[in-house]
C-alpha atoms as a PDB file:
ATOM      1  CA  MET A   1     -17.578 -19.865  -7.312  1.00  0.00           C
ATOM      2  CA  ASN A   2     -14.834 -17.287  -5.678  1.00  0.00           C
ATOM      3  CA  TRP A   3     -15.240 -17.393  -1.787  1.00  0.00           C
ATOM      4  CA  GLU A   4     -16.345 -14.571  -0.046  1.00  0.00           C
ATOM      5  CA  ILE A   5     -15.226 -12.966   3.198  1.00  0.00           C
ATOM      6  CA  PRO A   6     -17.916 -13.251   5.794  1.00  0.00           C
ATOM      7  CA  ARG A   7     -19.117 -10.478   7.323  1.00  0.00           C
ATOM      8  CA  ILE A   8     -18.886 -12.161  11.201  1.00  0.00           C
ATOM      9  CA  TRP A   9     -17.635  -8.843  12.899  1.00  0.00           C
ATOM     10  CA  GLU A  10     -20.488  -6.295  12.120  1.00  0.00           C
ATOM     11  CA  ASP A  11     -19.932  -2.920  13.892  1.00  0.00           C
ATOM     12  CA  GLU A  12     -16.878  -4.789  15.493  1.00  0.00           C
ATOM     13  CA  THR A  13     -13.766  -3.092  16.721  1.00  0.00           C
ATOM     14  CA  VAL A  14     -10.770  -5.617  15.353  1.00  0.00           C
ATOM     15  CA  TYR A  15      -7.157  -5.503  15.863  1.00  0.00           C
ATOM     16  CA  LEU A  16      -4.845  -5.959  13.551  1.00  0.00           C
ATOM     17  CA  PHE A  17      -1.299  -7.373  14.552  1.00  0.00           C
ATOM     18  CA  GLY A  18       1.171  -6.601  12.377  1.00  0.00           C
ATOM     19  CA  GLY A  19       4.672  -7.861  12.385  1.00  0.00           C
ATOM     20  CA  GLY A  20       6.854  -5.253  13.689  1.00  0.00           C
ATOM     21  CA  PRO A  21       9.665  -5.340  16.364  1.00  0.00           C
ATOM     22  CA  SER A  22       7.249  -3.445  19.222  1.00  0.00           C
ATOM     23  CA  LEU A  23       4.409  -6.162  18.723  1.00  0.00           C
ATOM     24  CA  LEU A  24       5.363  -7.729  21.783  1.00  0.00           C
ATOM     25  CA  SER A  25       5.767  -5.388  24.059  1.00  0.00           C
ATOM     26  CA  SER A  26       2.850  -3.108  22.775  1.00  0.00           C
ATOM     27  CA  ILE A  27       0.225  -6.318  23.816  1.00  0.00           C
ATOM     28  CA  ALA A  28       2.265  -7.838  26.994  1.00  0.00           C
ATOM     29  CA  GLU A  29      -0.127  -6.120  29.637  1.00  0.00           C
ATOM     30  CA  TYR A  30      -3.815  -6.866  27.560  1.00  0.00           C
ATOM     31  CA  ASP A  31      -5.616  -9.766  27.261  1.00  0.00           C
ATOM     32  CA  PHE A  32      -7.261  -9.623  23.485  1.00  0.00           C
ATOM     33  CA  SER A  33      -9.043 -12.843  24.368  1.00  0.00           C
ATOM     34  CA  ASP A  34     -12.183 -10.866  24.439  1.00  0.00           C
ATOM     35  CA  HIS A  35     -11.477  -8.777  21.333  1.00  0.00           C
ATOM     36  CA  TYR A  36     -11.028  -9.778  17.429  1.00  0.00           C
ATOM     37  CA  VAL A  37      -7.633 -10.129  16.058  1.00  0.00           C
ATOM     38  CA  ILE A  38      -6.646 -10.482  12.913  1.00  0.00           C
ATOM     39  CA  GLY A  39      -2.506 -11.732  13.019  1.00  0.00           C
ATOM     40  CA  ALA A  40      -0.933 -10.715   9.257  1.00  0.00           C
ATOM     41  CA  ASN A  41       1.842 -13.297   8.549  1.00  0.00           C
ATOM     42  CA  ASN A  42       3.593 -14.743  11.804  1.00  0.00           C
ATOM     43  CA  SER A  43       1.298 -12.492  14.500  1.00  0.00           C
ATOM     44  CA  PHE A  44      -0.416 -16.079  13.928  1.00  0.00           C
ATOM     45  CA  LEU A  45       1.862 -17.458  16.361  1.00  0.00           C
ATOM     46  CA  LEU A  46       1.282 -15.287  19.451  1.00  0.00           C
ATOM     47  CA  ARG A  47      -1.992 -15.855  21.323  1.00  0.00           C
ATOM     48  CA  ASP A  48      -5.080 -14.580  21.212  1.00  0.00           C
ATOM     49  CA  VAL A  49      -5.159 -14.456  17.299  1.00  0.00           C
ATOM     50  CA  ASP A  50      -8.769 -15.536  15.987  1.00  0.00           C
ATOM     51  CA  ILE A  51      -8.080 -15.053  11.841  1.00  0.00           C
ATOM     52  CA  LEU A  52      -4.485 -15.595  10.228  1.00  0.00           C
ATOM     53  CA  TYR A  53      -4.134 -13.517   7.092  1.00  0.00           C
ATOM     54  CA  PHE A  54      -1.127 -14.049   4.500  1.00  0.00           C
ATOM     55  CA  GLY A  55      -0.622 -12.430   1.257  1.00  0.00           C
ATOM     56  CA  ASP A  56       2.338 -14.517   0.410  1.00  0.00           C
ATOM     57  CA  ALA A  57       2.113 -18.527  -0.976  1.00  0.00           C
ATOM     58  CA  LYS A  58       5.823 -18.558   0.393  1.00  0.00           C
ATOM     59  CA  PHE A  59       4.633 -17.883   3.534  1.00  0.00           C
ATOM     60  CA  TYR A  60       2.832 -20.748   3.651  1.00  0.00           C
ATOM     61  CA  TRP A  61       5.344 -23.380   2.734  1.00  0.00           C
ATOM     62  CA  TRP A  62       7.967 -21.721   5.057  1.00  0.00           C
ATOM     63  CA  ASN A  63       5.497 -22.126   8.114  1.00  0.00           C
ATOM     64  CA  GLU A  64       2.881 -24.890   6.601  1.00  0.00           C
ATOM     65  CA  LYS A  65       3.396 -27.192  10.078  1.00  0.00           C
ATOM     66  CA  GLU A  66       2.283 -24.188  11.930  1.00  0.00           C
ATOM     67  CA  ILE A  67      -0.499 -23.028   9.941  1.00  0.00           C
ATOM     68  CA  GLN A  68      -2.189 -26.483   9.868  1.00  0.00           C
ATOM     69  CA  THR A  69      -2.196 -26.768  13.556  1.00  0.00           C
ATOM     70  CA  PHE A  70      -3.846 -23.103  13.737  1.00  0.00           C
ATOM     71  CA  LYS A  71      -7.258 -23.383  14.389  1.00  0.00           C
ATOM     72  CA  GLY A  72      -8.421 -20.172  13.365  1.00  0.00           C
ATOM     73  CA  LEU A  73      -9.509 -19.024  10.209  1.00  0.00           C
ATOM     74  CA  LYS A  74      -7.244 -19.045   7.663  1.00  0.00           C
ATOM     75  CA  ILE A  75      -7.209 -16.267   4.702  1.00  0.00           C
ATOM     76  CA  THR A  76      -4.522 -15.812   1.965  1.00  0.00           C
ATOM     77  CA  SER A  77      -4.558 -13.912  -1.622  1.00  0.00           C
ATOM     78  CA  ASP A  78      -2.019 -16.544  -2.615  1.00  0.00           C
ATOM     79  CA  GLN A  79       0.606 -14.273  -3.854  1.00  0.00           C
ATOM     80  CA  GLY A  80       3.917 -15.214  -4.793  1.00  0.00           C
ATOM     81  CA  ILE A  81       2.399 -17.521  -7.438  1.00  0.00           C
ATOM     82  CA  GLN A  82       3.626 -15.513 -10.115  1.00  0.00           C
ATOM     83  CA  HIS A  83       7.729 -15.615  -8.698  1.00  0.00           C
ATOM     84  CA  GLY A  84       7.350 -19.683  -9.074  1.00  0.00           C
ATOM     85  CA  ASN A  85       5.894 -20.838  -5.194  1.00  0.00           C
ATOM     86  CA  LYS A  86       3.376 -23.683  -5.382  1.00  0.00           C
ATOM     87  CA  SER A  87      -0.085 -21.940  -5.100  1.00  0.00           C
ATOM     88  CA  VAL A  88      -1.890 -22.971  -1.495  1.00  0.00           C
ATOM     89  CA  ASN A  89      -5.525 -23.510  -2.870  1.00  0.00           C
ATOM     90  CA  GLY A  90      -6.807 -26.534  -1.709  1.00  0.00           C
ATOM     91  CA  GLN A  91      -4.335 -26.651   1.280  1.00  0.00           C
ATOM     92  CA  HIS A  92      -5.936 -27.696   4.562  1.00  0.00           C
ATOM     93  CA  LYS A  93      -8.569 -25.585   4.882  1.00  0.00           C
ATOM     94  CA  ILE A  94      -6.876 -22.416   3.773  1.00  0.00           C
ATOM     95  CA  LYS A  95      -9.405 -19.861   1.914  1.00  0.00           C
ATOM     96  CA  VAL A  96      -8.386 -18.178  -0.695  1.00  0.00           C
ATOM     97  CA  VAL A  97      -9.711 -14.762  -1.620  1.00  0.00           C
ATOM     98  CA  LYS A  98      -8.117 -12.911  -4.714  1.00  0.00           C
ATOM     99  CA  ILE A  99      -6.433  -9.538  -5.209  1.00  0.00           C
ATOM    100  CA  GLY A 100      -8.772  -7.257  -7.111  1.00  0.00           C
ATOM    101  CA  LYS A 101      -7.160  -3.932  -6.920  1.00  0.00           C
ATOM    102  CA  TYR A 102      -3.864  -3.310  -5.559  1.00  0.00           C
ATOM    103  CA  LYS A 103      -4.542   0.679  -4.948  1.00  0.00           C
ATOM    104  CA  GLY A 104      -7.092   0.990  -2.803  1.00  0.00           C
ATOM    105  CA  LEU A 105      -9.830  -0.620  -1.190  1.00  0.00           C
ATOM    106  CA  GLU A 106     -12.306  -3.195  -2.565  1.00  0.00           C
ATOM    107  CA  SER A 107     -15.888  -3.581  -2.178  1.00  0.00           C
ATOM    108  CA  ARG A 108     -16.390  -6.596  -3.526  1.00  0.00           C
ATOM    109  CA  SER A 109     -16.438  -9.311  -0.390  1.00  0.00           C
ATOM    110  CA  ASN A 110     -14.536 -11.788  -2.904  1.00  0.00           C
ATOM    111  CA  ARG A 111     -11.793  -9.481  -3.183  1.00  0.00           C
ATOM    112  CA  ILE A 112      -9.148  -7.113  -1.836  1.00  0.00           C
ATOM    113  CA  GLY A 113      -6.743  -4.471  -2.432  1.00  0.00           C
ATOM    114  CA  TRP A 114      -3.266  -5.391  -2.103  1.00  0.00           C
ATOM    115  CA  ASN A 115      -1.527  -2.023  -1.390  1.00  0.00           C
ATOM    116  CA  ARG A 116       1.841  -3.116  -1.236  1.00  0.00           C
ATOM    117  CA  SER A 117       1.951  -5.623   1.991  1.00  0.00           C
ATOM    118  CA  SER A 118      -0.044  -7.918   3.826  1.00  0.00           C
ATOM    119  CA  GLY A 119      -0.458  -5.844   6.381  1.00  0.00           C
ATOM    120  CA  ALA A 120      -1.953  -3.429   4.131  1.00  0.00           C
ATOM    121  CA  ALA A 121      -4.444  -5.720   2.506  1.00  0.00           C
ATOM    122  CA  ALA A 122      -5.559  -7.205   5.973  1.00  0.00           C
ATOM    123  CA  ILE A 123      -7.153  -3.758   6.591  1.00  0.00           C
ATOM    124  CA  ASN A 124      -9.406  -4.822   3.515  1.00  0.00           C
ATOM    125  CA  VAL A 125     -10.112  -8.130   5.157  1.00  0.00           C
ATOM    126  CA  ALA A 126     -11.189  -6.300   8.312  1.00  0.00           C
ATOM    127  CA  ILE A 127     -13.872  -4.488   6.276  1.00  0.00           C
ATOM    128  CA  HIS A 128     -14.967  -6.980   4.794  1.00  0.00           C
ATOM    129  CA  LEU A 129     -15.429  -8.910   8.352  1.00  0.00           C
ATOM    130  CA  GLY A 130     -17.611  -6.333   8.897  1.00  0.00           C
ATOM    131  CA  ALA A 131     -15.710  -3.630  11.334  1.00  0.00           C
ATOM    132  CA  LYS A 132     -16.246  -0.830  11.954  1.00  0.00           C
ATOM    133  CA  LYS A 133     -13.168   0.271  13.918  1.00  0.00           C
ATOM    134  CA  ILE A 134      -9.426  -1.214  12.975  1.00  0.00           C
ATOM    135  CA  VAL A 135      -6.605  -0.820  15.377  1.00  0.00           C
ATOM    136  CA  LEU A 136      -3.527  -1.559  14.149  1.00  0.00           C
ATOM    137  CA  LEU A 137      -0.585  -2.766  16.422  1.00  0.00           C
ATOM    138  CA  GLY A 138       3.169  -4.109  15.503  1.00  0.00           C
ATOM    139  CA  TYR A 139       2.924  -1.643  12.010  1.00  0.00           C
ATOM    140  CA  ASP A 140       6.122   0.036  12.819  1.00  0.00           C
ATOM    141  CA  MET A 141       7.076  -0.081   9.161  1.00  0.00           C
ATOM    142  CA  ARG A 142      10.522   0.747  10.440  1.00  0.00           C
ATOM    143  CA  VAL A 143      13.729  -0.616  11.797  1.00  0.00           C
ATOM    144  CA  ILE A 144      14.403  -1.204  15.531  1.00  0.00           C
ATOM    145  CA  ASN A 145      17.820  -1.955  17.233  1.00  0.00           C
ATOM    146  CA  GLY A 146      18.559  -3.593  13.989  1.00  0.00           C
ATOM    147  CA  HIS A 147      15.142  -5.949  13.609  1.00  0.00           C
ATOM    148  CA  LYS A 148      12.074  -5.457  11.231  1.00  0.00           C
ATOM    149  CA  ASN A 149       9.836  -7.878  13.065  1.00  0.00           C
ATOM    150  CA  TRP A 150       9.272  -9.106  15.961  1.00  0.00           C
ATOM    151  CA  MET A 151      10.856 -12.765  15.402  1.00  0.00           C
ATOM    152  CA  VAL A 152      14.088 -14.026  13.989  1.00  0.00           C
ATOM    153  CA  HIS A 153      13.078 -14.599   9.893  1.00  0.00           C
ATOM    154  CA  GLU A 154      15.465 -17.589   9.189  1.00  0.00           C
ATOM    155  CA  LYS A 155      13.892 -18.451   5.602  1.00  0.00           C
ATOM    156  CA  GLU A 156      14.577 -14.674   4.564  1.00  0.00           C
ATOM    157  CA  GLN A 157      17.394 -12.617   5.700  1.00  0.00           C
ATOM    158  CA  THR A 158      17.933  -9.378   3.809  1.00  0.00           C
ATOM    159  CA  ASN A 159      18.977  -6.208   4.497  1.00  0.00           C
ATOM    160  CA  GLN A 160      16.749  -4.289   2.161  1.00  0.00           C
ATOM    161  CA  ASN A 161      14.705  -1.760   3.515  1.00  0.00           C
ATOM    162  CA  PRO A 162      11.391  -2.225   2.247  1.00  0.00           C
ATOM    163  CA  TYR A 163       9.098   0.338   4.289  1.00  0.00           C
ATOM    164  CA  ASP A 164       9.200   3.234   1.924  1.00  0.00           C
ATOM    165  CA  TYR A 165       7.624   1.608  -0.600  1.00  0.00           C
ATOM    166  CA  MET A 166       4.611  -0.225   1.356  1.00  0.00           C
ATOM    167  CA  LEU A 167       3.666   3.113   3.554  1.00  0.00           C
ATOM    168  CA  VAL A 168       2.474   4.140  -0.149  1.00  0.00           C
ATOM    169  CA  GLY A 169      -0.073   1.989   0.218  1.00  0.00           C
ATOM    170  CA  PHE A 170      -0.947   2.800   3.968  1.00  0.00           C
ATOM    171  CA  THR A 171      -1.878   6.192   2.302  1.00  0.00           C
ATOM    172  CA  GLN A 172      -4.277   4.572  -0.289  1.00  0.00           C
ATOM    173  CA  VAL A 173      -6.164   2.559   2.097  1.00  0.00           C
ATOM    174  CA  ALA A 174      -6.580   6.331   3.863  1.00  0.00           C
ATOM    175  CA  ARG A 175      -7.882   7.594   0.916  1.00  0.00           C
ATOM    176  CA  GLN A 176     -10.328   5.804   0.295  1.00  0.00           C
ATOM    177  CA  LEU A 177     -12.030   4.678   3.977  1.00  0.00           C
ATOM    178  CA  GLY A 178     -14.544   7.387   3.729  1.00  0.00           C
ATOM    179  CA  ARG A 179     -16.294   5.053   1.064  1.00  0.00           C
ATOM    180  CA  PHE A 180     -16.816   2.433   4.177  1.00  0.00           C
ATOM    181  CA  ASN A 181     -18.134   2.469   7.705  1.00  0.00           C
ATOM    182  CA  CYS A 182     -15.174   2.279   8.996  1.00  0.00           C
ATOM    183  CA  SER A 183     -12.143   4.059  11.093  1.00  0.00           C
ATOM    184  CA  VAL A 184      -8.915   2.957  11.406  1.00  0.00           C
ATOM    185  CA  VAL A 185      -6.346   4.033  14.060  1.00  0.00           C
ATOM    186  CA  ASN A 186      -2.981   3.376  14.974  1.00  0.00           C
ATOM    187  CA  ALA A 187      -1.496   1.667  18.609  1.00  0.00           C
ATOM    188  CA  THR A 188       1.902   1.306  17.148  1.00  0.00           C
ATOM    189  CA  PRO A 189       4.085   3.561  19.062  1.00  0.00           C
ATOM    190  CA  LYS A 190       6.341   5.510  17.108  1.00  0.00           C
ATOM    191  CA  SER A 191       5.047   4.102  13.858  1.00  0.00           C
ATOM    192  CA  LYS A 192       5.609   5.359  10.410  1.00  0.00           C
ATOM    193  CA  ILE A 193       2.201   5.202   8.959  1.00  0.00           C
ATOM    194  CA  GLU A 194       1.290   9.098   9.526  1.00  0.00           C
ATOM    195  CA  VAL A 195      -1.688   8.985   7.665  1.00  0.00           C
ATOM    196  CA  PHE A 196      -3.903   7.484  10.411  1.00  0.00           C
ATOM    197  CA  PRO A 197      -4.944   9.077  13.916  1.00  0.00           C
ATOM    198  CA  MET A 198      -2.508   8.016  16.802  1.00  0.00           C
ATOM    199  CA  VAL A 199      -3.529   6.523  19.730  1.00  0.00           C
ATOM    200  CA  GLU A 200      -2.752   4.303  22.999  1.00  0.00           C
ATOM    201  CA  LEU A 201      -3.129   1.325  23.405  1.00  0.00           C
ATOM    202  CA  LYS A 202      -4.395   1.738  27.154  1.00  0.00           C
ATOM    203  CA  GLU A 203      -7.065   4.356  25.819  1.00  0.00           C
ATOM    204  CA  LEU A 204      -8.862   1.231  24.589  1.00  0.00           C
ATOM    205  CA  PHE A 205      -8.920  -0.716  27.146  1.00  0.00           C
END
């Protein structure tokens, strides 16, 4: 039987930390220890993150030691195995939930919609957890001062700009949000994601 994401955050506000360059400055003055936080990909390395979600198997093998020591819930869709990466199924308490839809949101709690990026897929994870409101942080979807991420990647250096491709996924998510008792707001300054209402983080604290 496939693992199902439990509704442990029913009707709560959930903060999603993306990997964008603005993340560190955005959260620097705020304490998230009493809030519910999902860290997408390497943002789990920051403070106050409750759950790690990553979508690509290679991410685990690049960060195996750090992921093993992370004490929160660890969820993946194990993407990347189709490109020759070793599956993480069975590795150190990693919960694997399968990709259902590649476009839009999944209502089945043992499936998620991929929507072209881990950041977009994490929205579906939060919905399954029971979130009533989702707040995006570090979802820049643009290069800032030559950087695509809040930390320097040593394993993957590329000049390719993936954001036009990824942005389509958020449009697909926004179109289907009405089916769920959940809203999404974007607290990422100058984010390229324009399909969710923009807010300032200070308004939420």
